[in-house]
Amino acid sequence: MGEVVRSGIRSIHRGQWEAAASTGLTAYQTWRHVILPQALVIVIPPLSSEVLNIIKNSAIAMTIAITDLMFFSQKIEEETFAGFEAYTAGTLLFLLLTLLTVGAIYYLQRLSGLKVRSGH
């Protein structure tokens, strides 16, 4: 992720830095008002993909999260004999986590002025 952010910052044309300096902006003002807003627009799509890949493909997260969800679903099934409901709730919790992440990413993209594309 750090490499994505670094690449986004380095992709800002040198003329932007020079223009900010020529207008008398301090280094902090240059970063805050010129560089970071442009870099954010560049960085959001690849960071979005990284975050979703971490959630979906991380072996540790999948092992721990799914195992925990299914363990608790199994415990609920053993105590209440409501297996379908328990496993459905566990699945919906994992789906909710993923959908909330996607929603947050779309919100950030709209906030930054990026055109939101559906599909890959």
Protein backbone atom coordinates (compact mmCIF):
# COMPACT_ATOMS: atom_id res chain seq x y z
CA MET A 1 0.00 0.00 0.00
CA GLY A 2 2.83 2.36 0.74
CA GLU A 3 4.16 1.87 -2.76
CA VAL A 4 0.80 2.83 -4.23
CA VAL A 5 0.73 6.07 -2.22
CA ARG A 6 4.34 6.85 -3.08
CA SER A 7 3.66 6.27 -6.77
CA GLY A 8 0.61 8.52 -6.61
CA ILE A 9 2.64 11.34 -5.10
CA ARG A 10 5.51 10.87 -7.53
CA SER A 11 3.09 10.98 -10.46
CA ILE A 12 2.31 14.64 -9.75
CA HIS A 13 4.09 16.70 -12.38
CA ARG A 14 7.08 18.70 -11.16
CA GLY A 15 5.43 21.83 -12.55
CA GLN A 16 2.77 21.57 -9.82
CA TRP A 17 5.45 21.77 -7.14
CA GLU A 18 7.12 24.69 -8.88
CA ALA A 19 3.82 26.54 -9.39
CA ALA A 20 3.00 26.18 -5.70
CA ALA A 21 6.45 27.47 -4.73
CA SER A 22 6.19 30.41 -7.14
CA THR A 23 2.91 31.52 -5.55
CA GLY A 24 4.55 31.62 -2.14
CA LEU A 25 3.00 28.52 -0.60
CA THR A 26 4.90 26.92 2.25
CA ALA A 27 5.88 23.25 2.04
CA TYR A 28 2.91 22.33 4.26
CA GLN A 29 0.50 24.37 2.12
CA THR A 30 1.93 22.85 -1.04
CA TRP A 31 1.35 19.33 0.28
CA ARG A 32 -2.10 20.07 1.70
CA HIS A 33 -3.60 22.17 -1.09
CA VAL A 34 -1.78 21.06 -4.24
CA ILE A 35 -0.06 17.67 -4.03
CA LEU A 36 -2.23 15.51 -1.76
CA PRO A 37 -5.60 16.35 -3.40
CA GLN A 38 -4.21 15.36 -6.80
CA ALA A 39 -2.46 12.28 -5.43
CA LEU A 40 -5.64 11.19 -3.65
CA VAL A 41 -7.56 11.09 -6.92
CA ILE A 42 -4.81 8.95 -8.45
CA VAL A 43 -4.40 6.64 -5.43
CA ILE A 44 -8.02 5.80 -4.52
CA PRO A 45 -8.70 3.20 -7.27
CA PRO A 46 -5.59 1.05 -6.65
CA LEU A 47 -5.95 1.37 -2.87
CA SER A 48 -9.57 0.29 -3.19
CA SER A 49 -8.49 -2.84 -5.00
CA GLU A 50 -5.83 -3.53 -2.38
CA VAL A 51 -8.30 -3.22 0.50
CA LEU A 52 -10.82 -5.51 -1.17
CA ASN A 53 -8.11 -8.05 -1.98
CA ILE A 54 -7.00 -8.03 1.63
CA ILE A 55 -10.54 -8.72 2.79
CA LYS A 56 -11.32 -11.37 0.19
CA ASN A 57 -8.01 -13.12 -0.32
CA SER A 58 -6.04 -12.90 2.88
CA ALA A 59 -5.49 -16.42 4.12
CA ILE A 60 -5.22 -15.32 7.74
CA ALA A 61 -8.34 -13.16 7.61
CA MET A 62 -10.29 -15.85 5.80
CA THR A 63 -9.13 -18.57 8.17
CA ILE A 64 -9.78 -16.60 11.33
CA ALA A 65 -12.89 -14.67 10.30
CA ILE A 66 -14.72 -17.47 8.54
CA THR A 67 -13.69 -20.04 11.13
CA ASP A 68 -14.89 -17.79 13.95
CA LEU A 69 -18.15 -17.01 12.20
CA MET A 70 -18.81 -20.66 11.46
CA PHE A 71 -17.75 -21.71 14.99
CA PHE A 72 -20.27 -19.35 16.53
CA SER A 73 -22.88 -20.44 14.00
CA GLN A 74 -22.24 -24.06 14.97
CA LYS A 75 -22.55 -23.19 18.68
CA ILE A 76 -25.86 -21.45 18.03
CA GLU A 77 -27.04 -24.47 16.03
CA GLU A 78 -26.09 -26.85 18.86
CA GLU A 79 -27.98 -24.81 21.44
CA THR A 80 -31.04 -23.75 19.44
CA PHE A 81 -31.28 -26.32 16.61
CA ALA A 82 -31.62 -23.37 14.22
CA GLY A 83 -28.77 -24.33 11.90
CA PHE A 84 -30.01 -22.65 8.75
CA GLU A 85 -30.60 -19.36 10.54
CA ALA A 86 -27.23 -19.49 12.31
CA TYR A 87 -25.21 -20.17 9.16
CA THR A 88 -27.24 -17.63 7.19
CA ALA A 89 -26.48 -15.00 9.84
CA GLY A 90 -22.76 -15.85 9.73
CA THR A 91 -22.71 -15.57 5.95
CA LEU A 92 -24.62 -12.29 6.03
CA LEU A 93 -22.15 -10.83 8.54
CA PHE A 94 -19.24 -11.57 6.22
CA LEU A 95 -21.17 -10.20 3.24
CA LEU A 96 -22.03 -7.07 5.24
CA LEU A 97 -18.34 -6.48 6.01
CA THR A 98 -17.47 -6.68 2.33
CA LEU A 99 -20.38 -4.49 1.22
CA LEU A 100 -19.59 -1.83 3.82
CA THR A 101 -16.03 -1.71 2.55
CA VAL A 102 -17.18 -1.37 -1.06
CA GLY A 103 -19.64 1.34 -0.03
CA ALA A 104 -16.91 3.27 1.77
CA ILE A 105 -14.70 3.03 -1.32
CA TYR A 106 -17.48 4.32 -3.60
CA TYR A 107 -18.12 7.17 -1.16
CA LEU A 108 -14.42 8.13 -1.20
CA GLN A 109 -14.38 8.01 -4.98
CA ARG A 110 -17.43 10.27 -5.24
CA LEU A 111 -15.97 12.59 -2.60
CA SER A 112 -12.74 12.90 -4.56
CA GLY A 113 -14.57 13.54 -7.83
CA LEU A 114 -13.62 10.26 -9.48
CA LYS A 115 -16.05 8.72 -11.90
CA VAL A 116 -17.33 5.55 -10.25
CA ARG A 117 -17.20 2.56 -12.58
CA SER A 118 -19.09 -0.63 -11.98
CA GLY A 119 -17.45 -3.94 -12.77
CA HIS A 120 -13.76 -4.55 -13.38
